[in-house]
Amino acid sequence: MDLEKLQRDLKNSYNTDLESVNERVEDIVNHLVQEWHVDAHDLSLHEIKTLATSILDIETQTLHDEVESLLAQKEQIERSLERKSEALQELKYKVFNAMEKQVNPQDNQTLAKLHQIKLQSIDLFDLLSEMVESAIITTLEKDTDGDITETTEEIIKDITFEAIKEGSLNTIRIRKILSTILQSAIDVAEATPTRADEILSATLKGMRSGLVRSIDRFKKRLAFMPTEAKHILIEDYDTIIEDLNQTDVLFSQVVQTQAGESSQGIKKLLLDINANMHYDLEELVHISKEAAEIMREKFSSLAKTAVKKGEKALQSQTAQEAKRMGIQAWGVARTALGSAIKSAKDAIDKKEK
């Protein structure tokens, strides 16, 4: 059978005036049987595919074009959103720069307050690496008493907290933030080997304190979360609970990963500092488990309700179709297996004869 000719004929003969899909499909199958003098049950895979794709092309053309149009609009909106987000960040920088110019350079208290508000107002992730590097280098340059540990730890704690606090507590996001901060500190430490121990020790302690503070804030806000946020938590309930119960593991994994990608000297320093922080990490474990427990108490019943709603969703047309396809897949596999067994048995029978 000429498949191209068949496809043309099917598209030309398809009766779109009939009321339902069932009627239209039945009509074109009857046309195929009558005009091509074939038994519908004897069609090859390629012939059935030609029939199916011809019907699909006609039936879905309008919706297909609408989806393509919407996708094009989505790409345009995403590009526009990216440009506007960058412009928004730039404008925020300009506003804070203008405000800083109005403050006496010697007025450290006001500048510190303004800096804190700035940290809370801008999206830190885009400039996280450069900010950490700049902060540590500035600390080294302005160091007067020979001890940079306390200042660096405080800086890293604040940056870690501000970068983490407003977003989700999922493992991927936190790992990315911690890895970015630590990598920037490693870069400075490698360029300043005589101060590497101080820089890395302070950075790890600051990261730990910032993470503890972020989780503590999350724990305190659980009770006052709006309904919308609760729905987000419920949807990601199991993941958040799991993540909260392994924050110490996540922290150590970030350190070990960055250590493995560093020079031997830095690697040894990082692993030694991390090993000596065992007791410091107990606070992180404790606060994380407290947050997980509060979340269980407040949201487990809501999560169960969400599961019940999910069970109702299983009755939806899409879910039923997925179930049908799963059963069909099993049937196809079973048929193929039966054919293989029969072929093998026939081959054995022939040998025995």
C-alpha atoms as a PDB file:
ATOM      1  CA  MET A   1       0.000   0.000   0.000  1.00  0.00           C
ATOM      2  CA  ASP A   2       1.332   3.476  -0.974  1.00  0.00           C
ATOM      3  CA  LEU A   3       1.392   5.227   2.408  1.00  0.00           C
ATOM      4  CA  GLU A   4       1.775   8.766   1.003  1.00  0.00           C
ATOM      5  CA  LYS A   5      -1.200   8.261  -1.293  1.00  0.00           C
ATOM      6  CA  LEU A   6      -3.158   6.746   1.594  1.00  0.00           C
ATOM      7  CA  GLN A   7      -2.381   9.751   3.808  1.00  0.00           C
ATOM      8  CA  ARG A   8      -3.520  12.226   1.145  1.00  0.00           C
ATOM      9  CA  ASP A   9      -6.733  10.299   0.586  1.00  0.00           C
ATOM     10  CA  LEU A  10      -7.500  10.062   4.323  1.00  0.00           C
ATOM     11  CA  LYS A  11      -7.041  13.815   4.810  1.00  0.00           C
ATOM     12  CA  ASN A  12      -9.143  14.652   1.751  1.00  0.00           C
ATOM     13  CA  SER A  13     -11.897  12.220   2.758  1.00  0.00           C
ATOM     14  CA  TYR A  14     -12.090  13.061   6.459  1.00  0.00           C
ATOM     15  CA  ASN A  15     -15.592  14.362   7.210  1.00  0.00           C
ATOM     16  CA  THR A  16     -15.225  17.229   9.729  1.00  0.00           C
ATOM     17  CA  ASP A  17     -18.953  17.987   9.471  1.00  0.00           C
ATOM     18  CA  LEU A  18     -19.889  14.940  11.540  1.00  0.00           C
ATOM     19  CA  GLU A  19     -20.751  15.848  15.115  1.00  0.00           C
ATOM     20  CA  SER A  20     -18.471  13.710  17.303  1.00  0.00           C
ATOM     21  CA  VAL A  21     -14.944  12.304  17.153  1.00  0.00           C
ATOM     22  CA  ASN A  22     -16.363   8.786  17.334  1.00  0.00           C
ATOM     23  CA  GLU A  23     -18.557   9.389  14.276  1.00  0.00           C
ATOM     24  CA  ARG A  24     -15.710  10.978  12.313  1.00  0.00           C
ATOM     25  CA  VAL A  25     -13.279   8.160  13.096  1.00  0.00           C
ATOM     26  CA  GLU A  26     -15.871   5.480  12.303  1.00  0.00           C
ATOM     27  CA  ASP A  27     -16.617   7.189   8.972  1.00  0.00           C
ATOM     28  CA  ILE A  28     -12.950   7.369   7.881  1.00  0.00           C
ATOM     29  CA  VAL A  29     -12.311   3.746   8.870  1.00  0.00           C
ATOM     30  CA  ASN A  30     -15.327   2.670   6.789  1.00  0.00           C
ATOM     31  CA  HIS A  31     -13.965   4.764   3.922  1.00  0.00           C
ATOM     32  CA  LEU A  32     -10.598   3.006   4.243  1.00  0.00           C
ATOM     33  CA  VAL A  33     -12.233  -0.425   4.132  1.00  0.00           C
ATOM     34  CA  GLN A  34     -14.486   0.394   1.160  1.00  0.00           C
ATOM     35  CA  GLU A  35     -12.131   2.443  -1.003  1.00  0.00           C
ATOM     36  CA  TRP A  36      -8.923   0.522  -0.352  1.00  0.00           C
ATOM     37  CA  HIS A  37     -10.527  -2.916  -0.104  1.00  0.00           C
ATOM     38  CA  VAL A  38      -8.722  -3.854   3.107  1.00  0.00           C
ATOM     39  CA  ASP A  39      -9.773  -5.498   6.334  1.00  0.00           C
ATOM     40  CA  ALA A  40      -9.242  -3.036   9.205  1.00  0.00           C
ATOM     41  CA  HIS A  41      -7.928  -5.921  11.325  1.00  0.00           C
ATOM     42  CA  ASP A  42      -5.222  -6.778   8.800  1.00  0.00           C
ATOM     43  CA  LEU A  43      -3.525  -3.359   8.646  1.00  0.00           C
ATOM     44  CA  SER A  44       0.228  -3.262   9.217  1.00  0.00           C
ATOM     45  CA  LEU A  45       1.838  -1.130  11.926  1.00  0.00           C
ATOM     46  CA  HIS A  46       2.822   1.534   9.369  1.00  0.00           C
ATOM     47  CA  GLU A  47      -0.670   1.615   7.891  1.00  0.00           C
ATOM     48  CA  ILE A  48      -2.275   2.021  11.326  1.00  0.00           C
ATOM     49  CA  LYS A  49       0.262   4.749  12.112  1.00  0.00           C
ATOM     50  CA  THR A  50      -0.630   6.567   8.865  1.00  0.00           C
ATOM     51  CA  LEU A  51      -4.320   6.331   9.752  1.00  0.00           C
ATOM     52  CA  ALA A  52      -3.782   7.531  13.331  1.00  0.00           C
ATOM     53  CA  THR A  53      -1.450  10.428  12.441  1.00  0.00           C
ATOM     54  CA  SER A  54      -3.780  11.582   9.656  1.00  0.00           C
ATOM     55  CA  ILE A  55      -6.721  11.707  12.067  1.00  0.00           C
ATOM     56  CA  LEU A  56      -4.606  13.351  14.804  1.00  0.00           C
ATOM     57  CA  ASP A  57      -3.308  16.029  12.415  1.00  0.00           C
ATOM     58  CA  ILE A  58      -6.835  17.022  11.430  1.00  0.00           C
ATOM     59  CA  GLU A  59      -8.481  16.770  14.854  1.00  0.00           C
ATOM     60  CA  THR A  60      -5.726  18.576  16.767  1.00  0.00           C
ATOM     61  CA  GLN A  61      -4.747  21.214  14.193  1.00  0.00           C
ATOM     62  CA  THR A  62      -6.530  24.125  15.893  1.00  0.00           C
ATOM     63  CA  LEU A  63      -5.336  23.269  19.388  1.00  0.00           C
ATOM     64  CA  HIS A  64      -1.839  22.545  18.099  1.00  0.00           C
ATOM     65  CA  ASP A  65      -1.644  26.004  16.508  1.00  0.00           C
ATOM     66  CA  GLU A  66      -2.934  27.609  19.721  1.00  0.00           C
ATOM     67  CA  VAL A  67      -0.313  25.789  21.805  1.00  0.00           C
ATOM     68  CA  GLU A  68       2.459  26.865  19.410  1.00  0.00           C
ATOM     69  CA  SER A  69       1.245  30.460  19.617  1.00  0.00           C
ATOM     70  CA  LEU A  70       1.143  30.357  23.414  1.00  0.00           C
ATOM     71  CA  LEU A  71       4.644  28.844  23.575  1.00  0.00           C
ATOM     72  CA  ALA A  72       5.954  31.658  21.400  1.00  0.00           C
ATOM     73  CA  GLN A  73       4.262  34.173  23.698  1.00  0.00           C
ATOM     74  CA  LYS A  74       5.709  32.381  26.740  1.00  0.00           C
ATOM     75  CA  GLU A  75       9.258  32.628  25.349  1.00  0.00           C
ATOM     76  CA  GLN A  76       8.720  36.311  24.617  1.00  0.00           C
ATOM     77  CA  ILE A  77       7.360  36.921  28.134  1.00  0.00           C
ATOM     78  CA  GLU A  78      10.281  35.011  29.716  1.00  0.00           C
ATOM     79  CA  ARG A  79      12.813  37.119  27.791  1.00  0.00           C
ATOM     80  CA  SER A  80      10.972  40.288  28.752  1.00  0.00           C
ATOM     81  CA  LEU A  81      10.757  39.123  32.380  1.00  0.00           C
ATOM     82  CA  GLU A  82      14.501  38.468  32.464  1.00  0.00           C
ATOM     83  CA  ARG A  83      15.249  41.947  31.081  1.00  0.00           C
ATOM     84  CA  LYS A  84      12.825  43.610  33.502  1.00  0.00           C
ATOM     85  CA  SER A  85      14.260  41.659  36.461  1.00  0.00           C
ATOM     86  CA  GLU A  86      17.765  42.826  35.580  1.00  0.00           C
ATOM     87  CA  ALA A  87      16.503  46.404  35.208  1.00  0.00           C
ATOM     88  CA  LEU A  88      14.769  46.122  38.591  1.00  0.00           C
ATOM     89  CA  GLN A  89      17.991  44.979  40.249  1.00  0.00           C
ATOM     90  CA  GLU A  90      19.974  47.773  38.606  1.00  0.00           C
ATOM     91  CA  LEU A  91      17.468  50.374  39.772  1.00  0.00           C
ATOM     92  CA  LYS A  92      17.640  49.046  43.332  1.00  0.00           C
ATOM     93  CA  TYR A  93      21.453  49.391  43.250  1.00  0.00           C
ATOM     94  CA  LYS A  94      21.135  52.978  42.010  1.00  0.00           C
ATOM     95  CA  VAL A  95      18.648  53.860  44.763  1.00  0.00           C
ATOM     96  CA  PHE A  96      20.890  52.497  47.509  1.00  0.00           C
ATOM     97  CA  ASN A  97      23.984  54.118  45.991  1.00  0.00           C
ATOM     98  CA  ALA A  98      22.166  57.462  45.955  1.00  0.00           C
ATOM     99  CA  MET A  99      21.100  56.976  49.587  1.00  0.00           C
ATOM    100  CA  GLU A 100      24.654  56.069  50.630  1.00  0.00           C
ATOM    101  CA  LYS A 101      25.905  59.330  49.137  1.00  0.00           C
ATOM    102  CA  GLN A 102      23.585  61.196  51.510  1.00  0.00           C
ATOM    103  CA  VAL A 103      25.176  59.569  54.558  1.00  0.00           C
ATOM    104  CA  ASN A 104      28.334  60.875  56.199  1.00  0.00           C
ATOM    105  CA  PRO A 105      31.127  58.399  55.303  1.00  0.00           C
ATOM    106  CA  GLN A 106      32.199  58.461  58.960  1.00  0.00           C
ATOM    107  CA  ASP A 107      28.709  57.517  60.184  1.00  0.00           C
ATOM    108  CA  ASN A 108      29.360  53.771  60.366  1.00  0.00           C
ATOM    109  CA  GLN A 109      26.170  52.977  62.284  1.00  0.00           C
ATOM    110  CA  THR A 110      23.846  54.493  59.679  1.00  0.00           C
ATOM    111  CA  LEU A 111      25.837  52.931  56.839  1.00  0.00           C
ATOM    112  CA  ALA A 112      25.615  49.538  58.561  1.00  0.00           C
ATOM    113  CA  LYS A 113      21.813  49.872  58.897  1.00  0.00           C
ATOM    114  CA  LEU A 114      21.485  50.910  55.262  1.00  0.00           C
ATOM    115  CA  HIS A 115      23.668  47.973  54.204  1.00  0.00           C
ATOM    116  CA  GLN A 116      21.435  45.583  56.177  1.00  0.00           C
ATOM    117  CA  ILE A 117      18.326  46.942  54.424  1.00  0.00           C
ATOM    118  CA  LYS A 118      20.121  46.651  51.077  1.00  0.00           C
ATOM    119  CA  LEU A 119      20.902  42.987  51.734  1.00  0.00           C
ATOM    120  CA  GLN A 120      17.211  42.391  52.477  1.00  0.00           C
ATOM    121  CA  SER A 121      15.972  44.271  49.407  1.00  0.00           C
ATOM    122  CA  ILE A 122      17.982  42.875  46.497  1.00  0.00           C
ATOM    123  CA  ASP A 123      18.304  39.436  44.948  1.00  0.00           C
ATOM    124  CA  LEU A 124      21.592  38.275  46.407  1.00  0.00           C
ATOM    125  CA  PHE A 125      22.175  35.139  44.382  1.00  0.00           C
ATOM    126  CA  ASP A 126      23.221  36.898  41.176  1.00  0.00           C
ATOM    127  CA  LEU A 127      26.022  38.721  42.980  1.00  0.00           C
ATOM    128  CA  LEU A 128      26.715  36.253  45.789  1.00  0.00           C
ATOM    129  CA  SER A 129      30.132  35.092  44.584  1.00  0.00           C
ATOM    130  CA  GLU A 130      31.550  38.563  43.951  1.00  0.00           C
ATOM    131  CA  MET A 131      30.080  39.934  47.197  1.00  0.00           C
ATOM    132  CA  VAL A 132      31.651  37.225  49.365  1.00  0.00           C
ATOM    133  CA  GLU A 133      35.010  37.621  47.653  1.00  0.00           C
ATOM    134  CA  SER A 134      34.905  41.407  48.029  1.00  0.00           C
ATOM    135  CA  ALA A 135      33.868  41.194  51.699  1.00  0.00           C
ATOM    136  CA  ILE A 136      36.698  38.815  52.635  1.00  0.00           C
ATOM    137  CA  ILE A 137      39.317  40.804  50.689  1.00  0.00           C
ATOM    138  CA  THR A 138      38.146  44.030  52.347  1.00  0.00           C
ATOM    139  CA  THR A 139      38.385  42.352  55.754  1.00  0.00           C
ATOM    140  CA  LEU A 140      41.962  41.290  54.983  1.00  0.00           C
ATOM    141  CA  GLU A 141      42.909  44.766  53.780  1.00  0.00           C
ATOM    142  CA  LYS A 142      41.376  46.596  56.729  1.00  0.00           C
ATOM    143  CA  ASP A 143      42.588  44.107  59.310  1.00  0.00           C
ATOM    144  CA  THR A 144      44.475  45.946  62.052  1.00  0.00           C
ATOM    145  CA  ASP A 145      44.655  43.551  64.981  1.00  0.00           C
ATOM    146  CA  GLY A 146      45.750  40.475  63.021  1.00  0.00           C
ATOM    147  CA  ASP A 147      42.533  38.498  63.705  1.00  0.00           C
ATOM    148  CA  ILE A 148      40.082  38.401  60.804  1.00  0.00           C
ATOM    149  CA  THR A 149      38.159  35.341  62.010  1.00  0.00           C
ATOM    150  CA  GLU A 150      35.419  37.056  63.993  1.00  0.00           C
ATOM    151  CA  THR A 151      34.669  39.699  61.339  1.00  0.00           C
ATOM    152  CA  THR A 152      34.670  37.196  58.475  1.00  0.00           C
ATOM    153  CA  GLU A 153      32.403  34.800  60.380  1.00  0.00           C
ATOM    154  CA  GLU A 154      29.892  37.589  61.054  1.00  0.00           C
ATOM    155  CA  ILE A 155      29.922  38.735  57.422  1.00  0.00           C
ATOM    156  CA  ILE A 156      29.419  35.208  56.058  1.00  0.00           C
ATOM    157  CA  LYS A 157      26.670  34.517  58.602  1.00  0.00           C
ATOM    158  CA  ASP A 158      24.698  37.588  57.465  1.00  0.00           C
ATOM    159  CA  ILE A 159      25.201  36.882  53.749  1.00  0.00           C
ATOM    160  CA  THR A 160      24.216  33.216  54.151  1.00  0.00           C
ATOM    161  CA  PHE A 161      21.115  34.118  56.131  1.00  0.00           C
ATOM    162  CA  GLU A 162      19.955  36.821  53.727  1.00  0.00           C
ATOM    163  CA  ALA A 163      20.575  34.608  50.663  1.00  0.00           C
ATOM    164  CA  ILE A 164      18.646  31.648  52.095  1.00  0.00           C
ATOM    165  CA  LYS A 165      15.843  33.133  54.165  1.00  0.00           C
ATOM    166  CA  GLU A 166      13.287  34.286  51.572  1.00  0.00           C
ATOM    167  CA  GLY A 167      13.388  31.269  49.296  1.00  0.00           C
ATOM    168  CA  SER A 168      12.495  27.637  49.695  1.00  0.00           C
ATOM    169  CA  LEU A 169      14.470  25.399  52.043  1.00  0.00           C
ATOM    170  CA  ASN A 170      14.954  22.672  49.453  1.00  0.00           C
ATOM    171  CA  THR A 171      18.295  20.903  49.302  1.00  0.00           C
ATOM    172  CA  ILE A 172      19.255  21.958  45.775  1.00  0.00           C
ATOM    173  CA  ARG A 173      18.834  25.677  46.491  1.00  0.00           C
ATOM    174  CA  ILE A 174      20.670  25.619  49.841  1.00  0.00           C
ATOM    175  CA  ARG A 175      23.486  23.501  48.411  1.00  0.00           C
ATOM    176  CA  LYS A 176      23.932  25.982  45.558  1.00  0.00           C
ATOM    177  CA  ILE A 177      24.078  28.970  47.930  1.00  0.00           C
ATOM    178  CA  LEU A 178      26.525  27.310  50.349  1.00  0.00           C
ATOM    179  CA  SER A 179      28.709  26.022  47.497  1.00  0.00           C
ATOM    180  CA  THR A 180      28.878  29.483  45.902  1.00  0.00           C
ATOM    181  CA  ILE A 181      29.867  31.140  49.191  1.00  0.00           C
ATOM    182  CA  LEU A 182      32.475  28.509  50.028  1.00  0.00           C
ATOM    183  CA  GLN A 183      33.995  28.528  46.531  1.00  0.00           C
ATOM    184  CA  SER A 184      34.472  32.300  46.719  1.00  0.00           C
ATOM    185  CA  ALA A 185      36.184  31.941  50.106  1.00  0.00           C
ATOM    186  CA  ILE A 186      38.414  29.184  48.684  1.00  0.00           C
ATOM    187  CA  ASP A 187      39.457  31.473  45.818  1.00  0.00           C
ATOM    188  CA  VAL A 188      40.584  34.138  48.283  1.00  0.00           C
ATOM    189  CA  ALA A 189      42.252  31.544  50.545  1.00  0.00           C
ATOM    190  CA  GLU A 190      44.263  30.117  47.649  1.00  0.00           C
ATOM    191  CA  ALA A 191      45.429  33.626  46.773  1.00  0.00           C
ATOM    192  CA  THR A 192      46.319  34.302  50.448  1.00  0.00           C
ATOM    193  CA  PRO A 193      47.780  30.980  51.699  1.00  0.00           C
ATOM    194  CA  THR A 194      49.135  32.463  54.958  1.00  0.00           C
ATOM    195  CA  ARG A 195      45.586  33.378  56.022  1.00  0.00           C
ATOM    196  CA  ALA A 196      43.807  30.377  54.454  1.00  0.00           C
ATOM    197  CA  ASP A 197      43.111  28.634  57.760  1.00  0.00           C
ATOM    198  CA  GLU A 198      41.477  31.739  59.257  1.00  0.00           C
ATOM    199  CA  ILE A 199      39.457  32.504  56.119  1.00  0.00           C
ATOM    200  CA  LEU A 200      38.096  28.989  55.677  1.00  0.00           C
ATOM    201  CA  SER A 201      37.447  28.370  59.368  1.00  0.00           C
ATOM    202  CA  ALA A 202      35.499  31.626  59.673  1.00  0.00           C
ATOM    203  CA  THR A 203      33.621  30.964  56.431  1.00  0.00           C
ATOM    204  CA  LEU A 204      32.445  27.490  57.472  1.00  0.00           C
ATOM    205  CA  LYS A 205      31.369  28.731  60.905  1.00  0.00           C
ATOM    206  CA  GLY A 206      29.581  31.699  59.349  1.00  0.00           C
ATOM    207  CA  MET A 207      27.797  29.444  56.840  1.00  0.00           C
ATOM    208  CA  ARG A 208      26.701  27.136  59.634  1.00  0.00           C
ATOM    209  CA  SER A 209      25.416  30.038  61.770  1.00  0.00           C
ATOM    210  CA  GLY A 210      23.589  31.581  58.805  1.00  0.00           C
ATOM    211  CA  LEU A 211      21.936  28.264  57.969  1.00  0.00           C
ATOM    212  CA  VAL A 212      20.916  27.735  61.613  1.00  0.00           C
ATOM    213  CA  ARG A 213      19.450  31.245  61.716  1.00  0.00           C
ATOM    214  CA  SER A 214      17.510  30.660  58.473  1.00  0.00           C
ATOM    215  CA  ILE A 215      15.991  27.398  59.731  1.00  0.00           C
ATOM    216  CA  ASP A 216      15.184  28.980  63.103  1.00  0.00           C
ATOM    217  CA  ARG A 217      13.368  31.797  61.278  1.00  0.00           C
ATOM    218  CA  PHE A 218      11.478  29.236  59.186  1.00  0.00           C
ATOM    219  CA  LYS A 219      10.515  27.368  62.367  1.00  0.00           C
ATOM    220  CA  LYS A 220       9.140  30.523  64.010  1.00  0.00           C
ATOM    221  CA  ARG A 221       7.197  31.538  60.891  1.00  0.00           C
ATOM    222  CA  LEU A 222       5.475  28.169  60.471  1.00  0.00           C
ATOM    223  CA  ALA A 223       2.727  29.167  62.894  1.00  0.00           C
ATOM    224  CA  PHE A 224       1.918  32.370  61.046  1.00  0.00           C
ATOM    225  CA  MET A 225       2.174  31.233  57.447  1.00  0.00           C
ATOM    226  CA  PRO A 226      -0.666  32.337  55.138  1.00  0.00           C
ATOM    227  CA  THR A 227      -2.847  29.698  53.498  1.00  0.00           C
ATOM    228  CA  GLU A 228      -1.068  30.080  50.145  1.00  0.00           C
ATOM    229  CA  ALA A 229       2.310  29.272  51.687  1.00  0.00           C
ATOM    230  CA  LYS A 230       0.805  26.333  53.546  1.00  0.00           C
ATOM    231  CA  HIS A 231      -0.338  24.847  50.239  1.00  0.00           C
ATOM    232  CA  ILE A 232       3.240  25.106  48.946  1.00  0.00           C
ATOM    233  CA  LEU A 233       4.494  23.328  52.062  1.00  0.00           C
ATOM    234  CA  ILE A 234       1.857  20.628  51.750  1.00  0.00           C
ATOM    235  CA  GLU A 235       2.749  19.962  48.114  1.00  0.00           C
ATOM    236  CA  ASP A 236       6.413  19.613  49.055  1.00  0.00           C
ATOM    237  CA  TYR A 237       5.767  18.227  52.546  1.00  0.00           C
ATOM    238  CA  ASP A 238       7.776  14.997  52.347  1.00  0.00           C
ATOM    239  CA  THR A 239      10.747  16.661  50.627  1.00  0.00           C
ATOM    240  CA  ILE A 240      10.994  19.481  53.181  1.00  0.00           C
ATOM    241  CA  ILE A 241      10.728  17.067  56.119  1.00  0.00           C
ATOM    242  CA  GLU A 242      13.464  14.892  54.591  1.00  0.00           C
ATOM    243  CA  ASP A 243      15.688  17.903  53.875  1.00  0.00           C
ATOM    244  CA  LEU A 244      15.276  19.259  57.419  1.00  0.00           C
ATOM    245  CA  ASN A 245      16.349  15.917  58.840  1.00  0.00           C
ATOM    246  CA  GLN A 246      19.656  15.902  56.968  1.00  0.00           C
ATOM    247  CA  THR A 247      20.916  19.498  56.969  1.00  0.00           C
ATOM    248  CA  ASP A 248      24.135  18.450  58.735  1.00  0.00           C
ATOM    249  CA  VAL A 249      24.772  15.880  56.004  1.00  0.00           C
ATOM    250  CA  LEU A 250      24.077  18.488  53.327  1.00  0.00           C
ATOM    251  CA  PHE A 251      26.509  20.923  54.980  1.00  0.00           C
ATOM    252  CA  SER A 252      29.293  18.331  55.196  1.00  0.00           C
ATOM    253  CA  GLN A 253      28.680  17.194  51.608  1.00  0.00           C
ATOM    254  CA  VAL A 254      29.092  20.770  50.346  1.00  0.00           C
ATOM    255  CA  VAL A 255      32.414  21.048  52.200  1.00  0.00           C
ATOM    256  CA  GLN A 256      33.639  17.657  50.952  1.00  0.00           C
ATOM    257  CA  THR A 257      32.626  18.398  47.354  1.00  0.00           C
ATOM    258  CA  GLN A 258      34.410  21.754  47.307  1.00  0.00           C
ATOM    259  CA  ALA A 259      37.416  20.189  49.051  1.00  0.00           C
ATOM    260  CA  GLY A 260      37.615  17.513  46.372  1.00  0.00           C
ATOM    261  CA  GLU A 261      37.788  20.191  43.671  1.00  0.00           C
ATOM    262  CA  SER A 262      40.516  22.219  45.415  1.00  0.00           C
ATOM    263  CA  SER A 263      44.296  21.998  45.751  1.00  0.00           C
ATOM    264  CA  GLN A 264      45.735  19.481  48.210  1.00  0.00           C
ATOM    265  CA  GLY A 265      46.555  22.155  50.792  1.00  0.00           C
ATOM    266  CA  ILE A 266      43.055  23.665  50.746  1.00  0.00           C
ATOM    267  CA  LYS A 267      41.463  20.222  50.673  1.00  0.00           C
ATOM    268  CA  LYS A 268      43.275  19.157  53.854  1.00  0.00           C
ATOM    269  CA  LEU A 269      42.371  22.406  55.600  1.00  0.00           C
ATOM    270  CA  LEU A 270      38.690  22.139  54.713  1.00  0.00           C
ATOM    271  CA  LEU A 271      38.373  18.500  55.769  1.00  0.00           C
ATOM    272  CA  ASP A 272      40.194  19.148  59.058  1.00  0.00           C
ATOM    273  CA  ILE A 273      38.029  22.191  59.880  1.00  0.00           C
ATOM    274  CA  ASN A 274      34.865  20.304  58.989  1.00  0.00           C
ATOM    275  CA  ALA A 275      35.897  17.355  61.175  1.00  0.00           C
ATOM    276  CA  ASN A 276      36.537  19.698  64.108  1.00  0.00           C
ATOM    277  CA  MET A 277      33.112  21.303  63.636  1.00  0.00           C
ATOM    278  CA  HIS A 278      31.313  18.119  64.674  1.00  0.00           C
ATOM    279  CA  TYR A 279      29.954  19.626  67.895  1.00  0.00           C
ATOM    280  CA  ASP A 280      29.116  22.933  66.193  1.00  0.00           C
ATOM    281  CA  LEU A 281      26.900  21.024  63.775  1.00  0.00           C
ATOM    282  CA  GLU A 282      24.853  19.640  66.670  1.00  0.00           C
ATOM    283  CA  GLU A 283      23.071  23.001  66.930  1.00  0.00           C
ATOM    284  CA  LEU A 284      22.198  22.746  63.221  1.00  0.00           C
ATOM    285  CA  VAL A 285      20.842  19.210  63.705  1.00  0.00           C
ATOM    286  CA  HIS A 286      18.842  20.275  66.770  1.00  0.00           C
ATOM    287  CA  ILE A 287      17.177  23.323  65.199  1.00  0.00           C
ATOM    288  CA  SER A 288      16.437  21.394  61.971  1.00  0.00           C
ATOM    289  CA  LYS A 289      14.737  18.555  63.848  1.00  0.00           C
ATOM    290  CA  GLU A 290      12.719  21.074  65.873  1.00  0.00           C
ATOM    291  CA  ALA A 291      11.501  22.701  62.647  1.00  0.00           C
ATOM    292  CA  ALA A 292      10.652  19.295  61.161  1.00  0.00           C
ATOM    293  CA  GLU A 293       8.698  18.355  64.285  1.00  0.00           C
ATOM    294  CA  ILE A 294       6.678  21.593  64.256  1.00  0.00           C
ATOM    295  CA  MET A 295       5.953  21.086  60.574  1.00  0.00           C
ATOM    296  CA  ARG A 296       4.744  17.537  61.268  1.00  0.00           C
ATOM    297  CA  GLU A 297       2.459  18.749  64.074  1.00  0.00           C
ATOM    298  CA  LYS A 298       0.941  21.587  62.061  1.00  0.00           C
ATOM    299  CA  PHE A 299       0.805  20.211  58.543  1.00  0.00           C
ATOM    300  CA  SER A 300       0.613  16.417  58.633  1.00  0.00           C
ATOM    301  CA  SER A 301      -3.210  16.493  58.834  1.00  0.00           C
ATOM    302  CA  LEU A 302      -3.359  18.987  55.959  1.00  0.00           C
ATOM    303  CA  ALA A 303      -0.963  16.818  53.991  1.00  0.00           C
ATOM    304  CA  LYS A 304      -3.281  13.839  54.536  1.00  0.00           C
ATOM    305  CA  THR A 305      -6.174  15.952  53.227  1.00  0.00           C
ATOM    306  CA  ALA A 306      -4.062  16.778  50.187  1.00  0.00           C
ATOM    307  CA  VAL A 307      -3.461  13.049  49.663  1.00  0.00           C
ATOM    308  CA  LYS A 308      -7.226  12.436  49.741  1.00  0.00           C
ATOM    309  CA  LYS A 309      -7.671  15.182  47.151  1.00  0.00           C
ATOM    310  CA  GLY A 310      -4.938  13.491  45.151  1.00  0.00           C
ATOM    311  CA  GLU A 311      -6.875  10.240  45.328  1.00  0.00           C
ATOM    312  CA  LYS A 312      -9.884  12.049  43.838  1.00  0.00           C
ATOM    313  CA  ALA A 313      -7.618  13.369  41.112  1.00  0.00           C
ATOM    314  CA  LEU A 314      -6.816   9.770  40.237  1.00  0.00           C
ATOM    315  CA  GLN A 315     -10.376   9.522  38.979  1.00  0.00           C
ATOM    316  CA  SER A 316      -9.724  12.302  36.442  1.00  0.00           C
ATOM    317  CA  GLN A 317      -9.766  11.613  32.710  1.00  0.00           C
ATOM    318  CA  THR A 318      -5.996  12.081  32.431  1.00  0.00           C
ATOM    319  CA  ALA A 319      -5.321   9.688  35.308  1.00  0.00           C
ATOM    320  CA  GLN A 320      -7.719   7.134  33.882  1.00  0.00           C
ATOM    321  CA  GLU A 321      -6.029   7.396  30.499  1.00  0.00           C
ATOM    322  CA  ALA A 322      -2.626   6.840  32.135  1.00  0.00           C
ATOM    323  CA  LYS A 323      -4.031   3.784  33.889  1.00  0.00           C
ATOM    324  CA  ARG A 324      -5.444   2.480  30.617  1.00  0.00           C
ATOM    325  CA  MET A 325      -2.104   2.945  28.866  1.00  0.00           C
ATOM    326  CA  GLY A 326      -0.333   1.153  31.699  1.00  0.00           C
ATOM    327  CA  ILE A 327      -2.673  -1.813  31.344  1.00  0.00           C
ATOM    328  CA  GLN A 328      -2.210  -1.738  27.567  1.00  0.00           C
ATOM    329  CA  ALA A 329       1.573  -1.703  27.981  1.00  0.00           C
ATOM    330  CA  TRP A 330       1.284  -4.762  30.210  1.00  0.00           C
ATOM    331  CA  GLY A 331      -0.889  -6.437  27.560  1.00  0.00           C
ATOM    332  CA  VAL A 332       1.619  -5.676  24.791  1.00  0.00           C
ATOM    333  CA  ALA A 333       4.488  -7.042  26.887  1.00  0.00           C
ATOM    334  CA  ARG A 334       2.496 -10.128  27.777  1.00  0.00           C
ATOM    335  CA  THR A 335       1.639 -10.753  24.106  1.00  0.00           C
ATOM    336  CA  ALA A 336       5.256 -10.298  23.050  1.00  0.00           C
ATOM    337  CA  LEU A 337       6.424 -12.642  25.791  1.00  0.00           C
ATOM    338  CA  GLY A 338       3.808 -15.215  24.800  1.00  0.00           C
ATOM    339  CA  SER A 339       4.948 -15.030  21.157  1.00  0.00           C
ATOM    340  CA  ALA A 340       8.586 -15.468  22.170  1.00  0.00           C
ATOM    341  CA  ILE A 341       7.735 -18.494  24.315  1.00  0.00           C
ATOM    342  CA  LYS A 342       5.638 -19.998  21.511  1.00  0.00           C
ATOM    343  CA  SER A 343       8.466 -19.439  18.961  1.00  0.00           C
ATOM    344  CA  ALA A 344      10.978 -21.060  21.298  1.00  0.00           C
ATOM    345  CA  LYS A 345       8.639 -23.986  21.953  1.00  0.00           C
ATOM    346  CA  ASP A 346       8.032 -24.466  18.190  1.00  0.00           C
ATOM    347  CA  ALA A 347      11.811 -24.464  17.597  1.00  0.00           C
ATOM    348  CA  ILE A 348      12.324 -27.074  20.310  1.00  0.00           C
ATOM    349  CA  ASP A 349       9.491 -29.223  18.915  1.00  0.00           C
ATOM    350  CA  LYS A 350      11.044 -29.128  15.430  1.00  0.00           C
ATOM    351  CA  LYS A 351      14.432 -30.216  16.817  1.00  0.00           C
ATOM    352  CA  GLU A 352      12.829 -33.109  18.685  1.00  0.00           C
ATOM    353  CA  LYS A 353      11.073 -34.249  15.500  1.00  0.00           C
END
